[in-house]
Amino acid sequence: MWRELRDEYQGRGFEVVSVAIDSGGAAKVREYIEAAKPTHPSLLDVDHVTTLLYGFVNAPSSVWIDERGVLVRPPETVYALRGPEPVMPADATPDIVARVTFQLTLRDESRRYTAALRDWIEKGAASRYALPPDEVVRRSQPRPPESSRAAAEFALGRELHRRGDLDRAAAHFSEARRLEPANWTYSRQAFSLAGDERERLYATDLGRERNKPGAPPLYQPLDLP
């Protein structure tokens, strides 16, 4: 979807920039970028700088930035989905019903988001989907002291992992996850970097974490008029 939109609106003041946020480096993301064959800039952020700057708490997420460099929509979950619609089997179990229903919801949100994005590209600041600064601030993630401490713990974990000290890295990653449980990028990155050691280091995975009672939502629904 992103490549198609970029190619369609090229030369009309619109650009797509995709960022892979992964401390695993180029080896972790190269095959996916090459398979997508993007015509737009595709960057790698190993230090999670964009996570801190924009307040991303999960992937995939996007922001809109206008020609002045001003944020007009804060981070939102968006899936670039194509292909045939999922079909609910006649004999679907409750688990399959939940899965298919979730996929259908994502499809609907993807279509709504794409329509809103096209409206903004064509109308600019006059688009009803371009938010004023005070609304962008209202919708942005708050940064209480716990969030700053979590970011520091996460940075320490990444550095210790880079040095090969997996156990101490896991301790700092776990503290970051405890301090800011709604930031799923911490869990995703910690579990990914752990590789085959994940179960020993954390005794859990993303699926088990998201299904815990009281767990924060993995994704927030789109807030579009």
N, C-alpha and C. Protein backbone atom coordinates (compact mmCIF):
# COMPACT_ATOMS: atom_id res chain seq x y z
N MET A 1 0.81 -1.20 0.00
CA MET A 1 0.00 0.00 0.00
C MET A 1 0.85 1.26 0.00
N TRP A 2 1.91 1.29 0.85
CA TRP A 2 2.72 2.49 0.96
C TRP A 2 3.43 2.80 -0.34
N ARG A 3 3.97 1.78 -0.98
CA ARG A 3 4.65 2.02 -2.26
C ARG A 3 3.66 2.54 -3.29
N GLU A 4 2.47 1.97 -3.34
CA GLU A 4 1.47 2.40 -4.32
C GLU A 4 1.05 3.84 -4.10
N LEU A 5 0.83 4.23 -2.84
CA LEU A 5 0.46 5.61 -2.54
C LEU A 5 1.57 6.58 -2.90
N ARG A 6 2.78 6.21 -2.56
CA ARG A 6 3.91 7.09 -2.85
C ARG A 6 4.08 7.28 -4.34
N ASP A 7 3.98 6.18 -5.10
CA ASP A 7 4.14 6.29 -6.55
C ASP A 7 3.00 7.09 -7.17
N GLU A 8 1.79 6.92 -6.64
CA GLU A 8 0.63 7.63 -7.17
C GLU A 8 0.74 9.14 -6.97
N TYR A 9 1.24 9.54 -5.78
CA TYR A 9 1.26 10.96 -5.45
C TYR A 9 2.66 11.58 -5.57
N GLN A 10 3.59 10.88 -6.17
CA GLN A 10 4.93 11.42 -6.32
C GLN A 10 4.89 12.73 -7.11
N GLY A 11 5.63 13.72 -6.62
CA GLY A 11 5.65 15.01 -7.29
C GLY A 11 4.53 15.95 -6.87
N ARG A 12 3.70 15.52 -5.91
CA ARG A 12 2.58 16.35 -5.47
C ARG A 12 2.74 16.75 -4.00
N GLY A 13 3.98 16.79 -3.56
CA GLY A 13 4.26 17.23 -2.20
C GLY A 13 4.07 16.18 -1.14
N PHE A 14 4.01 14.92 -1.54
CA PHE A 14 3.80 13.83 -0.58
C PHE A 14 4.96 12.85 -0.65
N GLU A 15 5.44 12.43 0.50
CA GLU A 15 6.50 11.43 0.57
C GLU A 15 6.23 10.46 1.69
N VAL A 16 6.54 9.21 1.47
CA VAL A 16 6.47 8.16 2.48
C VAL A 16 7.88 7.87 2.96
N VAL A 17 8.07 7.77 4.25
CA VAL A 17 9.34 7.34 4.83
C VAL A 17 9.02 6.22 5.81
N SER A 18 9.54 5.04 5.55
CA SER A 18 9.32 3.91 6.47
C SER A 18 10.57 3.71 7.31
N VAL A 19 10.36 3.39 8.58
CA VAL A 19 11.46 3.21 9.52
C VAL A 19 11.30 1.87 10.23
N ALA A 20 12.28 1.01 10.08
CA ALA A 20 12.32 -0.24 10.83
C ALA A 20 13.03 0.04 12.15
N ILE A 21 12.32 -0.12 13.25
CA ILE A 21 12.89 0.16 14.57
C ILE A 21 13.30 -1.18 15.19
N ASP A 22 14.59 -1.51 15.06
CA ASP A 22 15.04 -2.82 15.51
C ASP A 22 16.52 -2.77 15.85
N SER A 23 16.84 -3.03 17.11
CA SER A 23 18.23 -3.04 17.54
C SER A 23 19.00 -4.24 17.03
N GLY A 24 18.30 -5.17 16.39
CA GLY A 24 18.98 -6.31 15.78
C GLY A 24 19.79 -5.93 14.55
N GLY A 25 19.58 -4.72 14.04
CA GLY A 25 20.37 -4.24 12.92
C GLY A 25 19.85 -4.70 11.57
N ALA A 26 20.64 -4.39 10.54
CA ALA A 26 20.23 -4.64 9.16
C ALA A 26 19.92 -6.11 8.89
N ALA A 27 20.64 -7.01 9.55
CA ALA A 27 20.42 -8.44 9.32
C ALA A 27 19.00 -8.86 9.67
N LYS A 28 18.37 -8.15 10.60
CA LYS A 28 17.02 -8.50 11.03
C LYS A 28 15.95 -8.03 10.06
N VAL A 29 16.21 -6.93 9.38
CA VAL A 29 15.15 -6.30 8.58
C VAL A 29 15.40 -6.31 7.09
N ARG A 30 16.61 -6.63 6.66
CA ARG A 30 16.95 -6.50 5.24
C ARG A 30 16.02 -7.30 4.33
N GLU A 31 15.74 -8.55 4.68
CA GLU A 31 14.93 -9.38 3.79
C GLU A 31 13.52 -8.82 3.59
N TYR A 32 12.97 -8.19 4.64
CA TYR A 32 11.62 -7.64 4.52
C TYR A 32 11.61 -6.38 3.65
N ILE A 33 12.61 -5.55 3.80
CA ILE A 33 12.69 -4.35 2.98
C ILE A 33 12.93 -4.72 1.53
N GLU A 34 13.83 -5.66 1.29
CA GLU A 34 14.12 -6.06 -0.08
C GLU A 34 12.92 -6.74 -0.73
N ALA A 35 12.16 -7.50 0.05
CA ALA A 35 10.98 -8.17 -0.50
C ALA A 35 9.91 -7.16 -0.89
N ALA A 36 9.81 -6.06 -0.14
CA ALA A 36 8.80 -5.03 -0.42
C ALA A 36 9.18 -4.18 -1.63
N LYS A 37 10.47 -4.14 -1.96
CA LYS A 37 10.95 -3.34 -3.09
C LYS A 37 10.42 -1.90 -3.03
N PRO A 38 10.65 -1.21 -1.94
CA PRO A 38 10.10 0.14 -1.80
C PRO A 38 10.76 1.13 -2.75
N THR A 39 9.99 2.10 -3.22
CA THR A 39 10.54 3.20 -4.01
C THR A 39 10.71 4.45 -3.14
N HIS A 40 10.25 4.37 -1.89
CA HIS A 40 10.40 5.49 -0.97
C HIS A 40 11.56 5.21 -0.01
N PRO A 41 12.05 6.23 0.70
CA PRO A 41 13.14 6.01 1.66
C PRO A 41 12.74 5.01 2.73
N SER A 42 13.60 4.02 2.97
CA SER A 42 13.36 3.00 3.99
C SER A 42 14.56 2.98 4.92
N LEU A 43 14.35 3.38 6.15
CA LEU A 43 15.43 3.61 7.09
C LEU A 43 15.44 2.56 8.19
N LEU A 44 16.56 2.49 8.91
CA LEU A 44 16.72 1.58 10.04
C LEU A 44 17.10 2.38 11.27
N ASP A 45 16.36 2.21 12.34
CA ASP A 45 16.60 2.93 13.59
C ASP A 45 16.96 1.90 14.67
N VAL A 46 18.25 1.66 14.87
CA VAL A 46 18.68 0.65 15.84
C VAL A 46 18.64 1.18 17.27
N ASP A 47 18.61 2.49 17.44
CA ASP A 47 18.64 3.09 18.77
C ASP A 47 17.27 3.54 19.26
N HIS A 48 16.22 3.24 18.50
CA HIS A 48 14.85 3.59 18.90
C HIS A 48 14.69 5.10 19.11
N VAL A 49 15.38 5.88 18.30
CA VAL A 49 15.27 7.34 18.40
C VAL A 49 13.86 7.79 18.05
N THR A 50 13.29 7.21 16.99
CA THR A 50 11.94 7.61 16.58
C THR A 50 10.89 7.22 17.62
N THR A 51 11.15 6.14 18.33
CA THR A 51 10.23 5.75 19.41
C THR A 51 10.15 6.85 20.46
N LEU A 52 11.30 7.40 20.83
CA LEU A 52 11.34 8.45 21.84
C LEU A 52 10.78 9.76 21.30
N LEU A 53 11.11 10.11 20.05
CA LEU A 53 10.69 11.39 19.49
C LEU A 53 9.18 11.47 19.31
N TYR A 54 8.58 10.39 18.81
CA TYR A 54 7.18 10.44 18.44
C TYR A 54 6.25 9.71 19.42
N GLY A 55 6.82 8.96 20.34
CA GLY A 55 5.99 8.26 21.31
C GLY A 55 5.37 6.99 20.80
N PHE A 56 6.04 6.30 19.86
CA PHE A 56 5.53 5.02 19.39
C PHE A 56 5.55 4.01 20.54
N VAL A 57 4.48 3.24 20.67
CA VAL A 57 4.43 2.20 21.70
C VAL A 57 4.17 0.83 21.09
N ASN A 58 4.04 0.76 19.77
CA ASN A 58 3.87 -0.52 19.11
C ASN A 58 4.11 -0.34 17.63
N ALA A 59 4.18 -1.43 16.92
CA ALA A 59 4.33 -1.41 15.47
C ALA A 59 3.27 -2.33 14.87
N PRO A 60 2.72 -1.94 13.71
CA PRO A 60 3.05 -0.77 12.89
C PRO A 60 2.33 0.49 13.37
N SER A 61 3.03 1.61 13.34
CA SER A 61 2.45 2.89 13.70
C SER A 61 2.89 3.94 12.68
N SER A 62 2.13 5.01 12.60
CA SER A 62 2.48 6.07 11.65
C SER A 62 2.17 7.43 12.25
N VAL A 63 2.83 8.45 11.71
CA VAL A 63 2.54 9.85 12.02
C VAL A 63 2.45 10.62 10.71
N TRP A 64 1.74 11.73 10.75
CA TRP A 64 1.67 12.63 9.60
C TRP A 64 2.45 13.89 9.94
N ILE A 65 3.32 14.31 9.04
CA ILE A 65 4.12 15.53 9.22
C ILE A 65 3.91 16.40 7.99
N ASP A 66 3.52 17.66 8.20
CA ASP A 66 3.23 18.51 7.05
C ASP A 66 4.50 19.13 6.47
N GLU A 67 4.33 19.97 5.45
CA GLU A 67 5.48 20.54 4.73
C GLU A 67 6.29 21.50 5.59
N ARG A 68 5.73 21.94 6.74
CA ARG A 68 6.47 22.81 7.65
C ARG A 68 7.25 22.01 8.69
N GLY A 69 7.09 20.69 8.65
CA GLY A 69 7.72 19.86 9.66
C GLY A 69 6.91 19.76 10.93
N VAL A 70 5.61 20.10 10.86
CA VAL A 70 4.73 20.08 12.03
C VAL A 70 3.91 18.79 12.03
N LEU A 71 3.84 18.16 13.18
CA LEU A 71 3.06 16.94 13.33
C LEU A 71 1.57 17.28 13.28
N VAL A 72 0.83 16.64 12.36
CA VAL A 72 -0.60 16.91 12.26
C VAL A 72 -1.44 15.70 12.64
N ARG A 73 -0.84 14.55 12.82
CA ARG A 73 -1.49 13.41 13.46
C ARG A 73 -0.43 12.66 14.25
N PRO A 74 -0.68 12.42 15.54
CA PRO A 74 0.28 11.68 16.37
C PRO A 74 0.23 10.19 16.03
N PRO A 75 1.04 9.36 16.72
CA PRO A 75 1.10 7.93 16.37
C PRO A 75 -0.24 7.24 16.38
N GLU A 76 -0.48 6.48 15.32
CA GLU A 76 -1.69 5.68 15.19
C GLU A 76 -1.32 4.31 14.63
N THR A 77 -2.03 3.30 15.06
CA THR A 77 -1.84 1.97 14.50
C THR A 77 -2.44 1.92 13.10
N VAL A 78 -1.68 1.42 12.15
CA VAL A 78 -2.22 1.31 10.79
C VAL A 78 -1.60 0.09 10.11
N TYR A 79 -2.46 -0.74 9.55
CA TYR A 79 -2.03 -1.90 8.79
C TYR A 79 -2.23 -1.64 7.30
N ALA A 80 -1.23 -1.95 6.51
CA ALA A 80 -1.35 -1.85 5.05
C ALA A 80 -1.77 -3.22 4.54
N LEU A 81 -3.07 -3.46 4.50
CA LEU A 81 -3.59 -4.79 4.17
C LEU A 81 -4.14 -4.82 2.76
N ARG A 82 -3.81 -5.91 2.06
CA ARG A 82 -4.34 -6.14 0.73
C ARG A 82 -4.72 -7.61 0.61
N GLY A 83 -5.20 -8.00 -0.58
CA GLY A 83 -5.56 -9.39 -0.79
C GLY A 83 -7.01 -9.64 -0.46
N PRO A 84 -7.45 -10.89 -0.61
CA PRO A 84 -8.86 -11.23 -0.38
C PRO A 84 -9.29 -11.05 1.07
N GLU A 85 -10.56 -10.73 1.24
CA GLU A 85 -11.12 -10.59 2.58
C GLU A 85 -11.17 -11.96 3.26
N PRO A 86 -10.86 -12.03 4.55
CA PRO A 86 -11.02 -13.30 5.27
C PRO A 86 -12.50 -13.69 5.34
N VAL A 87 -12.76 -14.97 5.27
CA VAL A 87 -14.13 -15.48 5.29
C VAL A 87 -14.33 -16.31 6.56
N MET A 88 -15.46 -16.10 7.20
CA MET A 88 -15.76 -16.85 8.42
C MET A 88 -16.25 -18.25 8.06
N PRO A 89 -15.54 -19.31 8.47
CA PRO A 89 -15.99 -20.68 8.19
C PRO A 89 -17.31 -20.99 8.90
N ALA A 90 -18.13 -21.82 8.28
CA ALA A 90 -19.43 -22.16 8.87
C ALA A 90 -19.27 -22.88 10.21
N ASP A 91 -18.20 -23.65 10.35
CA ASP A 91 -17.98 -24.42 11.58
C ASP A 91 -16.90 -23.78 12.46
N ALA A 92 -16.77 -22.46 12.39
CA ALA A 92 -15.71 -21.76 13.12
C ALA A 92 -15.85 -21.93 14.62
N THR A 93 -14.75 -22.22 15.27
CA THR A 93 -14.70 -22.27 16.73
C THR A 93 -14.69 -20.84 17.26
N PRO A 94 -14.97 -20.66 18.56
CA PRO A 94 -14.92 -19.29 19.12
C PRO A 94 -13.57 -18.61 18.88
N ASP A 95 -12.48 -19.38 18.93
CA ASP A 95 -11.17 -18.78 18.70
C ASP A 95 -11.04 -18.29 17.26
N ILE A 96 -11.51 -19.08 16.30
CA ILE A 96 -11.43 -18.68 14.90
C ILE A 96 -12.35 -17.49 14.64
N VAL A 97 -13.53 -17.48 15.26
CA VAL A 97 -14.44 -16.34 15.11
C VAL A 97 -13.75 -15.06 15.57
N ALA A 98 -13.07 -15.13 16.70
CA ALA A 98 -12.37 -13.95 17.23
C ALA A 98 -11.26 -13.50 16.28
N ARG A 99 -10.53 -14.47 15.74
CA ARG A 99 -9.43 -14.13 14.83
C ARG A 99 -9.94 -13.48 13.54
N VAL A 100 -10.96 -14.08 12.95
CA VAL A 100 -11.49 -13.54 11.69
C VAL A 100 -12.13 -12.17 11.92
N THR A 101 -12.85 -12.04 13.02
CA THR A 101 -13.47 -10.74 13.35
C THR A 101 -12.41 -9.66 13.50
N PHE A 102 -11.30 -10.01 14.16
CA PHE A 102 -10.20 -9.06 14.34
C PHE A 102 -9.61 -8.67 12.98
N GLN A 103 -9.41 -9.64 12.10
CA GLN A 103 -8.86 -9.35 10.78
C GLN A 103 -9.80 -8.47 9.97
N LEU A 104 -11.10 -8.71 10.07
CA LEU A 104 -12.06 -7.87 9.36
C LEU A 104 -12.04 -6.44 9.89
N THR A 105 -11.88 -6.30 11.19
CA THR A 105 -11.79 -4.96 11.79
C THR A 105 -10.56 -4.23 11.27
N LEU A 106 -9.44 -4.95 11.20
CA LEU A 106 -8.21 -4.33 10.69
C LEU A 106 -8.38 -3.90 9.24
N ARG A 107 -9.06 -4.71 8.43
CA ARG A 107 -9.30 -4.37 7.03
C ARG A 107 -10.11 -3.08 6.92
N ASP A 108 -11.15 -2.99 7.74
CA ASP A 108 -12.00 -1.81 7.71
C ASP A 108 -11.21 -0.57 8.12
N GLU A 109 -10.40 -0.68 9.17
CA GLU A 109 -9.62 0.46 9.61
C GLU A 109 -8.57 0.84 8.58
N SER A 110 -7.98 -0.14 7.90
CA SER A 110 -7.01 0.15 6.86
C SER A 110 -7.64 0.96 5.73
N ARG A 111 -8.86 0.59 5.33
CA ARG A 111 -9.55 1.34 4.27
C ARG A 111 -9.88 2.76 4.72
N ARG A 112 -10.35 2.90 5.96
CA ARG A 112 -10.69 4.23 6.47
C ARG A 112 -9.45 5.10 6.58
N TYR A 113 -8.36 4.52 7.04
CA TYR A 113 -7.12 5.28 7.19
C TYR A 113 -6.60 5.73 5.82
N THR A 114 -6.62 4.84 4.85
CA THR A 114 -6.14 5.19 3.51
C THR A 114 -6.97 6.32 2.92
N ALA A 115 -8.29 6.26 3.10
CA ALA A 115 -9.16 7.32 2.60
C ALA A 115 -8.84 8.66 3.27
N ALA A 116 -8.60 8.63 4.58
CA ALA A 116 -8.26 9.85 5.31
C ALA A 116 -6.92 10.40 4.82
N LEU A 117 -5.96 9.53 4.59
CA LEU A 117 -4.65 9.96 4.12
C LEU A 117 -4.75 10.61 2.74
N ARG A 118 -5.52 10.00 1.86
CA ARG A 118 -5.71 10.60 0.53
C ARG A 118 -6.34 11.99 0.64
N ASP A 119 -7.30 12.13 1.55
CA ASP A 119 -7.95 13.42 1.73
C ASP A 119 -6.94 14.48 2.16
N TRP A 120 -6.05 14.11 3.06
CA TRP A 120 -5.02 15.05 3.53
C TRP A 120 -4.04 15.40 2.42
N ILE A 121 -3.62 14.39 1.65
CA ILE A 121 -2.68 14.65 0.55
C ILE A 121 -3.28 15.66 -0.43
N GLU A 122 -4.55 15.51 -0.72
CA GLU A 122 -5.19 16.35 -1.74
C GLU A 122 -5.63 17.71 -1.21
N LYS A 123 -5.96 17.80 0.09
CA LYS A 123 -6.48 19.06 0.62
C LYS A 123 -5.53 19.78 1.57
N GLY A 124 -4.50 19.10 2.02
CA GLY A 124 -3.56 19.72 2.94
C GLY A 124 -4.20 20.13 4.24
N ALA A 125 -3.88 21.36 4.70
CA ALA A 125 -4.38 21.84 5.98
C ALA A 125 -5.90 21.94 6.02
N ALA A 126 -6.55 22.00 4.86
CA ALA A 126 -8.01 22.08 4.82
C ALA A 126 -8.68 20.74 5.09
N SER A 127 -7.91 19.65 5.10
CA SER A 127 -8.48 18.33 5.36
C SER A 127 -8.98 18.25 6.80
N ARG A 128 -10.14 17.66 6.99
CA ARG A 128 -10.68 17.52 8.34
C ARG A 128 -9.88 16.51 9.16
N TYR A 129 -9.00 15.77 8.51
CA TYR A 129 -8.19 14.78 9.22
C TYR A 129 -6.86 15.36 9.71
N ALA A 130 -6.52 16.57 9.28
CA ALA A 130 -5.31 17.25 9.76
C ALA A 130 -5.67 17.94 11.07
N LEU A 131 -5.07 17.51 12.16
CA LEU A 131 -5.46 17.99 13.49
C LEU A 131 -4.70 19.26 13.87
N PRO A 132 -5.36 20.16 14.61
CA PRO A 132 -4.67 21.35 15.12
C PRO A 132 -3.69 20.95 16.22
N PRO A 133 -2.70 21.81 16.49
CA PRO A 133 -1.66 21.46 17.47
C PRO A 133 -2.18 21.05 18.84
N ASP A 134 -3.21 21.73 19.34
CA ASP A 134 -3.69 21.38 20.68
C ASP A 134 -4.31 19.98 20.71
N GLU A 135 -4.92 19.55 19.61
CA GLU A 135 -5.49 18.21 19.56
C GLU A 135 -4.39 17.16 19.41
N VAL A 136 -3.34 17.49 18.66
CA VAL A 136 -2.20 16.58 18.54
C VAL A 136 -1.59 16.34 19.92
N VAL A 137 -1.44 17.42 20.68
CA VAL A 137 -0.88 17.29 22.04
C VAL A 137 -1.80 16.46 22.91
N ARG A 138 -3.10 16.70 22.82
CA ARG A 138 -4.06 15.96 23.65
C ARG A 138 -4.00 14.47 23.38
N ARG A 139 -3.83 14.11 22.09
CA ARG A 139 -3.83 12.69 21.73
C ARG A 139 -2.47 12.02 21.92
N SER A 140 -1.44 12.79 22.10
CA SER A 140 -0.10 12.21 22.23
C SER A 140 0.06 11.51 23.57
N GLN A 141 0.96 10.53 23.60
CA GLN A 141 1.19 9.79 24.84
C GLN A 141 1.82 10.69 25.89
N PRO A 142 1.33 10.64 27.13
CA PRO A 142 1.97 11.42 28.20
C PRO A 142 3.35 10.86 28.53
N ARG A 143 4.18 11.69 29.14
CA ARG A 143 5.53 11.26 29.50
C ARG A 143 5.76 11.49 31.00
N PRO A 144 5.14 10.68 31.84
CA PRO A 144 5.38 10.80 33.28
C PRO A 144 6.80 10.33 33.61
N PRO A 145 7.26 10.56 34.85
CA PRO A 145 8.62 10.14 35.24
C PRO A 145 8.88 8.66 34.97
N GLU A 146 7.87 7.81 35.13
CA GLU A 146 8.07 6.37 34.90
C GLU A 146 8.46 6.09 33.45
N SER A 147 7.93 6.87 32.52
CA SER A 147 8.26 6.67 31.11
C SER A 147 9.72 7.02 30.84
N SER A 148 10.20 8.09 31.45
CA SER A 148 11.60 8.47 31.28
C SER A 148 12.53 7.43 31.89
N ARG A 149 12.16 6.92 33.06
CA ARG A 149 12.96 5.87 33.69
C ARG A 149 12.93 4.61 32.84
N ALA A 150 11.77 4.28 32.27
CA ALA A 150 11.67 3.09 31.42
C ALA A 150 12.56 3.24 30.20
N ALA A 151 12.59 4.43 29.59
CA ALA A 151 13.44 4.65 28.42
C ALA A 151 14.92 4.47 28.78
N ALA A 152 15.31 4.94 29.97
CA ALA A 152 16.70 4.77 30.40
C ALA A 152 17.03 3.30 30.63
N GLU A 153 16.12 2.56 31.27
CA GLU A 153 16.33 1.13 31.49
C GLU A 153 16.44 0.39 30.15
N PHE A 154 15.60 0.77 29.21
CA PHE A 154 15.62 0.13 27.90
C PHE A 154 16.93 0.40 27.18
N ALA A 155 17.43 1.63 27.28
CA ALA A 155 18.71 1.97 26.66
C ALA A 155 19.85 1.16 27.28
N LEU A 156 19.82 1.00 28.60
CA LEU A 156 20.84 0.19 29.27
C LEU A 156 20.75 -1.26 28.80
N GLY A 157 19.54 -1.77 28.66
CA GLY A 157 19.36 -3.14 28.18
C GLY A 157 19.94 -3.33 26.79
N ARG A 158 19.70 -2.36 25.91
CA ARG A 158 20.22 -2.48 24.55
C ARG A 158 21.75 -2.47 24.54
N GLU A 159 22.34 -1.61 25.35
CA GLU A 159 23.80 -1.53 25.39
C GLU A 159 24.40 -2.82 25.97
N LEU A 160 23.81 -3.36 27.03
CA LEU A 160 24.31 -4.60 27.61
C LEU A 160 24.14 -5.77 26.63
N HIS A 161 23.04 -5.77 25.90
CA HIS A 161 22.86 -6.82 24.90
C HIS A 161 23.92 -6.69 23.81
N ARG A 162 24.22 -5.47 23.40
CA ARG A 162 25.25 -5.25 22.38
C ARG A 162 26.59 -5.80 22.85
N ARG A 163 26.84 -5.73 24.15
CA ARG A 163 28.10 -6.22 24.70
C ARG A 163 28.07 -7.73 24.97
N GLY A 164 26.93 -8.36 24.74
CA GLY A 164 26.83 -9.80 24.92
C GLY A 164 26.42 -10.24 26.30
N ASP A 165 26.03 -9.31 27.17
CA ASP A 165 25.63 -9.65 28.54
C ASP A 165 24.11 -9.82 28.57
N LEU A 166 23.63 -10.98 28.12
CA LEU A 166 22.20 -11.19 27.93
C LEU A 166 21.41 -11.15 29.23
N ASP A 167 21.96 -11.71 30.30
CA ASP A 167 21.20 -11.78 31.55
C ASP A 167 21.01 -10.40 32.17
N ARG A 168 22.06 -9.60 32.20
CA ARG A 168 21.90 -8.24 32.74
C ARG A 168 21.04 -7.40 31.82
N ALA A 169 21.15 -7.61 30.53
CA ALA A 169 20.29 -6.89 29.59
C ALA A 169 18.82 -7.21 29.86
N ALA A 170 18.53 -8.50 30.07
CA ALA A 170 17.15 -8.92 30.32
C ALA A 170 16.60 -8.27 31.58
N ALA A 171 17.44 -8.10 32.60
CA ALA A 171 16.98 -7.47 33.84
C ALA A 171 16.54 -6.04 33.59
N HIS A 172 17.30 -5.30 32.79
CA HIS A 172 16.94 -3.91 32.49
C HIS A 172 15.74 -3.85 31.55
N PHE A 173 15.67 -4.75 30.57
CA PHE A 173 14.50 -4.79 29.70
C PHE A 173 13.24 -5.08 30.52
N SER A 174 13.34 -5.99 31.46
CA SER A 174 12.19 -6.34 32.29
C SER A 174 11.75 -5.16 33.15
N GLU A 175 12.71 -4.38 33.64
CA GLU A 175 12.36 -3.21 34.43
C GLU A 175 11.68 -2.15 33.55
N ALA A 176 12.16 -1.99 32.32
CA ALA A 176 11.51 -1.05 31.40
C ALA A 176 10.07 -1.47 31.14
N ARG A 177 9.85 -2.76 30.95
CA ARG A 177 8.51 -3.27 30.70
C ARG A 177 7.62 -3.08 31.93
N ARG A 178 8.18 -3.23 33.13
CA ARG A 178 7.40 -3.05 34.35
C ARG A 178 7.00 -1.59 34.53
N LEU A 179 7.93 -0.68 34.24
CA LEU A 179 7.67 0.74 34.44
C LEU A 179 6.66 1.29 33.44
N GLU A 180 6.69 0.77 32.21
CA GLU A 180 5.78 1.28 31.19
C GLU A 180 5.17 0.11 30.42
N PRO A 181 4.23 -0.62 31.02
CA PRO A 181 3.69 -1.82 30.40
C PRO A 181 2.93 -1.55 29.11
N ALA A 182 2.42 -0.33 28.92
CA ALA A 182 1.67 -0.02 27.70
C ALA A 182 2.58 0.17 26.49
N ASN A 183 3.89 0.26 26.73
CA ASN A 183 4.82 0.41 25.61
C ASN A 183 5.26 -0.98 25.14
N TRP A 184 4.54 -1.50 24.18
CA TRP A 184 4.80 -2.86 23.70
C TRP A 184 6.08 -2.96 22.89
N THR A 185 6.66 -1.84 22.47
CA THR A 185 7.94 -1.92 21.76
C THR A 185 9.02 -2.50 22.66
N TYR A 186 8.92 -2.26 23.96
CA TYR A 186 9.91 -2.82 24.88
C TYR A 186 9.84 -4.35 24.90
N SER A 187 8.63 -4.89 25.00
CA SER A 187 8.51 -6.35 25.01
C SER A 187 8.91 -6.94 23.67
N ARG A 188 8.43 -6.34 22.59
CA ARG A 188 8.76 -6.86 21.25
C ARG A 188 10.27 -6.93 21.05
N GLN A 189 10.96 -5.83 21.38
CA GLN A 189 12.40 -5.80 21.16
C GLN A 189 13.15 -6.75 22.09
N ALA A 190 12.74 -6.78 23.36
CA ALA A 190 13.41 -7.66 24.32
C ALA A 190 13.29 -9.11 23.90
N PHE A 191 12.08 -9.54 23.53
CA PHE A 191 11.87 -10.93 23.15
C PHE A 191 12.59 -11.26 21.85
N SER A 192 12.60 -10.31 20.91
CA SER A 192 13.26 -10.55 19.62
C SER A 192 14.77 -10.70 19.81
N LEU A 193 15.37 -9.81 20.60
CA LEU A 193 16.81 -9.89 20.82
C LEU A 193 17.20 -11.15 21.58
N ALA A 194 16.32 -11.64 22.44
CA ALA A 194 16.64 -12.83 23.23
C ALA A 194 16.74 -14.08 22.37
N GLY A 195 15.99 -14.11 21.26
CA GLY A 195 16.05 -15.27 20.37
C GLY A 195 15.70 -16.56 21.08
N ASP A 196 16.55 -17.57 20.94
CA ASP A 196 16.31 -18.87 21.55
C ASP A 196 16.37 -18.84 23.08
N GLU A 197 16.90 -17.76 23.63
CA GLU A 197 17.01 -17.63 25.08
C GLU A 197 15.79 -16.97 25.70
N ARG A 198 14.79 -16.63 24.89
CA ARG A 198 13.65 -15.87 25.40
C ARG A 198 12.96 -16.56 26.58
N GLU A 199 12.68 -17.85 26.45
CA GLU A 199 11.94 -18.54 27.51
C GLU A 199 12.75 -18.57 28.80
N ARG A 200 14.04 -18.80 28.70
CA ARG A 200 14.87 -18.83 29.91
C ARG A 200 14.93 -17.45 30.56
N LEU A 201 15.07 -16.41 29.74
CA LEU A 201 15.24 -15.06 30.28
C LEU A 201 13.94 -14.44 30.78
N TYR A 202 12.83 -14.74 30.10
CA TYR A 202 11.58 -14.04 30.42
C TYR A 202 10.42 -14.97 30.79
N ALA A 203 10.50 -16.22 30.43
CA ALA A 203 9.43 -17.19 30.73
C ALA A 203 8.07 -16.70 30.24
N THR A 204 8.06 -16.00 29.12
CA THR A 204 6.81 -15.51 28.55
C THR A 204 7.04 -15.13 27.10
N ASP A 205 5.98 -14.72 26.43
CA ASP A 205 6.09 -14.22 25.06
C ASP A 205 5.00 -13.17 24.86
N LEU A 206 4.94 -12.58 23.67
CA LEU A 206 4.00 -11.50 23.43
C LEU A 206 2.55 -11.95 23.58
N GLY A 207 2.25 -13.17 23.10
CA GLY A 207 0.90 -13.67 23.20
C GLY A 207 0.45 -13.83 24.64
N ARG A 208 1.31 -14.39 25.48
CA ARG A 208 0.95 -14.57 26.88
C ARG A 208 0.83 -13.22 27.60
N GLU A 209 1.69 -12.28 27.23
CA GLU A 209 1.64 -10.97 27.88
C GLU A 209 0.35 -10.22 27.54
N ARG A 210 -0.05 -10.25 26.28
CA ARG A 210 -1.24 -9.50 25.87
C ARG A 210 -2.52 -10.10 26.44
N ASN A 211 -2.48 -11.40 26.80
CA ASN A 211 -3.67 -12.07 27.32
C ASN A 211 -3.74 -12.09 28.85
N LYS A 212 -2.78 -11.47 29.50
CA LYS A 212 -2.82 -11.41 30.96
C LYS A 212 -3.98 -10.53 31.41
N PRO A 213 -4.65 -10.89 32.50
CA PRO A 213 -5.71 -10.02 33.02
C PRO A 213 -5.18 -8.63 33.33
N GLY A 214 -5.89 -7.62 32.84
CA GLY A 214 -5.49 -6.25 33.09
C GLY A 214 -4.39 -5.73 32.19
N ALA A 215 -3.96 -6.53 31.21
CA ALA A 215 -2.91 -6.07 30.30
C ALA A 215 -3.41 -4.89 29.47
N PRO A 216 -2.55 -3.89 29.22
CA PRO A 216 -2.98 -2.76 28.39
C PRO A 216 -3.25 -3.25 26.97
N PRO A 217 -4.10 -2.55 26.23
CA PRO A 217 -4.42 -2.99 24.86
C PRO A 217 -3.18 -2.98 23.97
N LEU A 218 -3.10 -3.97 23.10
CA LEU A 218 -1.97 -4.03 22.17
C LEU A 218 -2.03 -2.88 21.18
N TYR A 219 -3.23 -2.55 20.73
CA TYR A 219 -3.44 -1.45 19.78
C TYR A 219 -4.66 -0.66 20.19
N GLN A 220 -4.62 0.64 19.95
CA GLN A 220 -5.77 1.50 20.13
C GLN A 220 -6.52 1.61 18.80
N PRO A 221 -7.86 1.63 18.83
CA PRO A 221 -8.61 1.80 17.59
C PRO A 221 -8.37 3.18 16.99
N LEU A 222 -8.53 3.28 15.67
CA LEU A 222 -8.38 4.57 15.00
C LEU A 222 -9.42 5.56 15.49
N ASP A 223 -9.01 6.81 15.66
CA ASP A 223 -9.92 7.87 16.07
C ASP A 223 -10.10 8.80 14.87
N LEU A 224 -10.98 8.40 13.95
CA LEU A 224 -11.26 9.18 12.74
C LEU A 224 -12.72 9.59 12.73
N PRO A 225 -13.02 10.78 12.25
CA PRO A 225 -14.42 11.20 12.17
C PRO A 225 -15.19 10.40 11.13
